[in-house]
Amino acid sequence: MLHEMSIGGMLFSPLLVLVPLAFILAAATRLILHYLGLRRYIWKEAWFDVAVFVCYLAAIVYLFGD
């Protein structure tokens, strides 16, 4: 289970670190697909981007969770 972090007496969610990491990975995936020319095969690009972000976030939480 992920636990909150205490910084200066304030409690922060561990998602504060994990969400930007998932966003960076999703953005990198988007750029790679763009440069390879594979984005044209994706029907709904916005939904695909959201799905990739959620999958990366789930994988990161699974890997870094206790």
N, C-alpha and C. Protein backbone atom coordinates (compact mmCIF):
# COMPACT_ATOMS: atom_id res chain seq x y z
N MET A 1 0.84 -1.18 0.00
CA MET A 1 0.00 0.00 0.00
C MET A 1 0.88 1.24 0.00
N LEU A 2 0.53 2.20 -0.78
CA LEU A 2 1.28 3.44 -0.83
C LEU A 2 0.89 4.33 0.35
N HIS A 3 1.88 4.99 0.91
CA HIS A 3 1.63 5.84 2.07
C HIS A 3 1.97 7.28 1.73
N GLU A 4 1.31 8.19 2.43
CA GLU A 4 1.56 9.61 2.17
C GLU A 4 2.95 9.99 2.68
N MET A 5 3.48 11.06 2.08
CA MET A 5 4.80 11.56 2.44
C MET A 5 4.63 12.83 3.26
N SER A 6 5.41 12.96 4.30
CA SER A 6 5.37 14.16 5.13
C SER A 6 6.54 15.06 4.77
N ILE A 7 6.22 16.25 4.25
CA ILE A 7 7.25 17.23 3.90
C ILE A 7 6.90 18.53 4.62
N GLY A 8 7.70 18.89 5.57
CA GLY A 8 7.47 20.12 6.34
C GLY A 8 6.18 20.07 7.14
N GLY A 9 5.78 18.91 7.59
CA GLY A 9 4.57 18.78 8.39
C GLY A 9 3.30 18.66 7.56
N MET A 10 3.43 18.75 6.23
CA MET A 10 2.26 18.59 5.36
C MET A 10 2.30 17.21 4.73
N LEU A 11 1.15 16.59 4.61
CA LEU A 11 1.07 15.26 4.02
C LEU A 11 0.75 15.37 2.53
N PHE A 12 1.52 14.65 1.72
CA PHE A 12 1.33 14.65 0.29
C PHE A 12 1.06 13.23 -0.19
N SER A 13 0.20 13.12 -1.17
CA SER A 13 -0.10 11.84 -1.76
C SER A 13 1.08 11.35 -2.59
N PRO A 14 1.33 10.04 -2.61
CA PRO A 14 2.41 9.53 -3.46
C PRO A 14 2.09 9.72 -4.95
N LEU A 15 0.84 9.94 -5.28
CA LEU A 15 0.48 10.20 -6.67
C LEU A 15 1.05 11.52 -7.16
N LEU A 16 1.45 12.39 -6.24
CA LEU A 16 2.07 13.66 -6.60
C LEU A 16 3.36 13.42 -7.39
N VAL A 17 4.02 12.31 -7.14
CA VAL A 17 5.24 11.96 -7.86
C VAL A 17 4.93 11.02 -9.02
N LEU A 18 3.98 10.13 -8.84
CA LEU A 18 3.72 9.09 -9.83
C LEU A 18 2.98 9.60 -11.06
N VAL A 19 2.08 10.56 -10.89
CA VAL A 19 1.31 11.08 -12.03
C VAL A 19 2.21 11.81 -13.02
N PRO A 20 3.12 12.69 -12.60
CA PRO A 20 4.00 13.30 -13.61
C PRO A 20 4.89 12.29 -14.33
N LEU A 21 5.31 11.24 -13.62
CA LEU A 21 6.11 10.21 -14.26
C LEU A 21 5.31 9.50 -15.35
N ALA A 22 4.07 9.17 -15.05
CA ALA A 22 3.20 8.54 -16.06
C ALA A 22 2.93 9.49 -17.21
N PHE A 23 2.79 10.78 -16.93
CA PHE A 23 2.56 11.75 -17.98
C PHE A 23 3.76 11.86 -18.91
N ILE A 24 4.96 11.85 -18.35
CA ILE A 24 6.18 11.91 -19.16
C ILE A 24 6.29 10.69 -20.06
N LEU A 25 5.99 9.51 -19.52
CA LEU A 25 6.03 8.29 -20.33
C LEU A 25 4.98 8.32 -21.43
N ALA A 26 3.78 8.82 -21.13
CA ALA A 26 2.72 8.90 -22.14
C ALA A 26 3.09 9.91 -23.23
N ALA A 27 3.70 11.01 -22.84
CA ALA A 27 4.13 12.01 -23.82
C ALA A 27 5.24 11.44 -24.70
N ALA A 28 6.15 10.70 -24.12
CA ALA A 28 7.22 10.07 -24.90
C ALA A 28 6.64 9.06 -25.88
N THR A 29 5.64 8.30 -25.44
CA THR A 29 4.99 7.34 -26.33
C THR A 29 4.30 8.06 -27.47
N ARG A 30 3.66 9.17 -27.17
CA ARG A 30 2.99 9.96 -28.21
C ARG A 30 3.99 10.47 -29.24
N LEU A 31 5.14 10.98 -28.78
CA LEU A 31 6.16 11.47 -29.70
C LEU A 31 6.74 10.35 -30.56
N ILE A 32 6.99 9.21 -29.95
CA ILE A 32 7.53 8.08 -30.70
C ILE A 32 6.55 7.62 -31.77
N LEU A 33 5.28 7.53 -31.43
CA LEU A 33 4.27 7.13 -32.42
C LEU A 33 4.16 8.17 -33.53
N HIS A 34 4.32 9.44 -33.19
CA HIS A 34 4.26 10.50 -34.20
C HIS A 34 5.44 10.39 -35.17
N TYR A 35 6.64 10.21 -34.64
CA TYR A 35 7.82 10.14 -35.49
C TYR A 35 7.85 8.88 -36.34
N LEU A 36 7.25 7.80 -35.85
CA LEU A 36 7.20 6.56 -36.62
C LEU A 36 6.05 6.55 -37.62
N GLY A 37 5.18 7.54 -37.54
CA GLY A 37 4.05 7.62 -38.46
C GLY A 37 2.92 6.67 -38.14
N LEU A 38 2.85 6.22 -36.91
CA LEU A 38 1.81 5.26 -36.52
C LEU A 38 0.56 5.91 -35.95
N ARG A 39 0.58 7.23 -35.75
CA ARG A 39 -0.59 7.92 -35.17
C ARG A 39 -1.77 7.90 -36.13
N ARG A 40 -1.51 7.78 -37.42
CA ARG A 40 -2.61 7.81 -38.39
C ARG A 40 -3.50 6.58 -38.28
N TYR A 41 -3.01 5.51 -37.65
CA TYR A 41 -3.81 4.30 -37.49
C TYR A 41 -4.70 4.34 -36.24
N ILE A 42 -4.56 5.36 -35.43
CA ILE A 42 -5.36 5.49 -34.21
C ILE A 42 -6.61 6.30 -34.54
N TRP A 43 -7.76 5.71 -34.23
CA TRP A 43 -9.03 6.33 -34.61
C TRP A 43 -9.32 7.57 -33.77
N LYS A 44 -9.33 7.42 -32.47
CA LYS A 44 -9.59 8.53 -31.54
C LYS A 44 -8.32 8.79 -30.73
N GLU A 45 -7.56 9.78 -31.16
CA GLU A 45 -6.26 10.01 -30.55
C GLU A 45 -6.35 10.44 -29.09
N ALA A 46 -7.32 11.26 -28.76
CA ALA A 46 -7.44 11.74 -27.38
C ALA A 46 -7.75 10.58 -26.43
N TRP A 47 -8.65 9.70 -26.82
CA TRP A 47 -8.97 8.55 -25.98
C TRP A 47 -7.78 7.62 -25.86
N PHE A 48 -7.03 7.47 -26.94
CA PHE A 48 -5.84 6.64 -26.90
C PHE A 48 -4.81 7.22 -25.93
N ASP A 49 -4.63 8.54 -25.97
CA ASP A 49 -3.68 9.18 -25.06
C ASP A 49 -4.09 9.00 -23.60
N VAL A 50 -5.36 9.13 -23.32
CA VAL A 50 -5.85 8.93 -21.95
C VAL A 50 -5.65 7.48 -21.52
N ALA A 51 -5.94 6.55 -22.41
CA ALA A 51 -5.78 5.13 -22.09
C ALA A 51 -4.32 4.77 -21.83
N VAL A 52 -3.42 5.32 -22.64
CA VAL A 52 -1.99 5.06 -22.43
C VAL A 52 -1.54 5.64 -21.09
N PHE A 53 -2.00 6.85 -20.77
CA PHE A 53 -1.65 7.47 -19.48
C PHE A 53 -2.14 6.61 -18.31
N VAL A 54 -3.38 6.14 -18.38
CA VAL A 54 -3.94 5.33 -17.30
C VAL A 54 -3.19 4.01 -17.17
N CYS A 55 -2.84 3.40 -18.29
CA CYS A 55 -2.08 2.14 -18.25
C CYS A 55 -0.70 2.35 -17.64
N TYR A 56 -0.03 3.43 -18.03
CA TYR A 56 1.28 3.72 -17.43
C TYR A 56 1.14 4.01 -15.94
N LEU A 57 0.12 4.76 -15.55
CA LEU A 57 -0.07 5.07 -14.13
C LEU A 57 -0.34 3.80 -13.33
N ALA A 58 -1.18 2.91 -13.86
CA ALA A 58 -1.46 1.65 -13.17
C ALA A 58 -0.20 0.81 -13.04
N ALA A 59 0.61 0.76 -14.10
CA ALA A 59 1.85 -0.02 -14.05
C ALA A 59 2.83 0.56 -13.04
N ILE A 60 2.93 1.88 -12.99
CA ILE A 60 3.85 2.52 -12.04
C ILE A 60 3.40 2.30 -10.60
N VAL A 61 2.11 2.43 -10.36
CA VAL A 61 1.59 2.20 -9.00
C VAL A 61 1.81 0.75 -8.60
N TYR A 62 1.62 -0.17 -9.54
CA TYR A 62 1.84 -1.60 -9.25
C TYR A 62 3.31 -1.87 -8.93
N LEU A 63 4.21 -1.27 -9.72
CA LEU A 63 5.63 -1.52 -9.53
C LEU A 63 6.19 -0.87 -8.28
N PHE A 64 5.75 0.36 -7.97
CA PHE A 64 6.30 1.08 -6.83
C PHE A 64 5.49 0.90 -5.55
N GLY A 65 4.34 0.23 -5.63
CA GLY A 65 3.54 -0.02 -4.44
C GLY A 65 4.19 -1.07 -3.56
N ASP A 66 3.88 -1.02 -2.29
CA ASP A 66 4.47 -1.99 -1.35
C ASP A 66 3.80 -3.33 -1.46
